[in-house]
Amino acid sequence: MGKGNARRGSTLVASVEDETLLLAQVVISSYDAVITKTSEGIITTWNQGAERIYGYTGNEAVGQPISFLLPPGHRDEVPGILQRIKAGELIHHYETVRRRKDGRVIDVSLSVSPIKDKKGKIFGAATIARDISSDVAARRQSEEQLAAASQYARSLIESSLDPLVTISADGKITDVNEATMKVTGIPRDRLIGTDFSNYFTEPEKAREGYQQVFAKGFVTDYPLTIRHKKGGLTDVLYNASVYKDTGGEVRGVFAAARDVTEQKQASQYARSLIESSLDPLVTISADGKITDVNEATIRVTGIPRDKLIGTDFSNYFTEPEKAREGYQQVFAKGFVTDYPLTIRHRKGALTDVLYNASVYKDTQGKVIGVFAAARDVTERKRVEAELAEQRQRELDRLAELEKFQKLTVGRELKMVELKKDIEELRRENENLRRMAVG
């Protein structure tokens, strides 16, 4: 019994010794620096990894205070670390710098843990140090590149005359440019974190706009009106799209607003000119659908604007096919002049018109529709008909006069002949009388 216990004890001792030797070998051959030191920071062991990283041999380092590795400006690190170790704290992946024997300062990552005796009392510290100079250099380069890219992006954003804004998934503003501050009259720090929709005349419409972007990925030419803090209004068209992180996750919305106030004013001016025209005016798409009308068109057809727009232009004429051929000629030739048609009012009244029409184009020169103006010639046709009737009456009267003249002339000729005959008879009678006397 006693011999068995003795054998187990000796086996346990051997096992512990083997494990200790194994651990020692691991420490010695570790690629990382493994250093032990006293509670006061005096180096007690120094492995091959430490020699490789710091350039000092074990003989040079052991017995030195650990602070001899610290470059100027970092000497106060050691007391703080030792204090934390004495308190039983473990320190993981603490990034700092150390100075090698050749004077070069390197970036290191430290993991420090307390060393305890059999009774659990802390009497020193073990440090594992890894040279991360390459990683830090790469990271710094990446950060510098990122900062440069960020600065470049920022300069592009700030150089834009259009208000630009980024919006989070919950509708909060996360960034703005100078143009946004100008158009709202509110500084950046007051805008960031607030609801995007707060700065428009139609907040609900603004909210629907950015929600569409999150749902579809983008919106184009979304109309809104920005309200300045002092009350001024700016009409804009928003173009927006989602932006993503490196993992492809949607992070938010990037939105750019184009100021169309002047364009809208010009459009309103053009609209007023169109509406002031007494002639029916209409725009027609390539497929023959009405895209806009003026008040005169509404009056001549008896149909409201919203019922006209989107319907076939040719539907409102007595000769639909001729109307269709008319606008097709415009798309083919670019224009038509004095094209005759008759508009039918919904109550049956007819209006004769002459259409003058031409194509209109977008800013790139692409034909997008036909603009047509109808001149009401109903009255002119009535007058022309009356004139024609009067002319016919005059012609008929002239014919009668000519006939009468012919009769009169004939009668006069007969009178002349009769006079001649009477004169001839008188002469013959005189001759006979003379002969009788003789």
Foldseek 3Di string as FASTA:
>chain_A
DVVVVVVVVVVVVVVVVVVVVVVVVCQQPPLWWKWKDWLQQATAATHPNNCVVQVDDRVRRHRHGPLVFADPPCSVVVVVVSVCQQVQDWDFQDWDWTAHPVGDIFIKTKTKHFDADPVRHTTIMMITIDGCRVVVVVVVVVVVVVVVVVVVVLVVQQVDLWWKFWAFPVQFTQFTYPNVCVLAVHDTVVRGGDHPLPFFPDSVLVVVQQVVQVVPFWDWQRWTWGAHPVGDIFIWGKTKGFDADPVRHTGTMMITIDGCPVVVVVVVVVLVVQQPDLWWKFKAFPVQFTQFTYPNVCVLAVHDTVVRGGDHPLPFFPDSVLVVVQQVVQVVVFWDWQRWTWGAHPVGDIFIWGKTKGFDADPVRHTGIMMITTDGCPVVVVVVVVVVVVVVVVVVVVVVVVVVVVVVVVVVVVVVVVVVVVVVVVVVVVVVVVVVVD
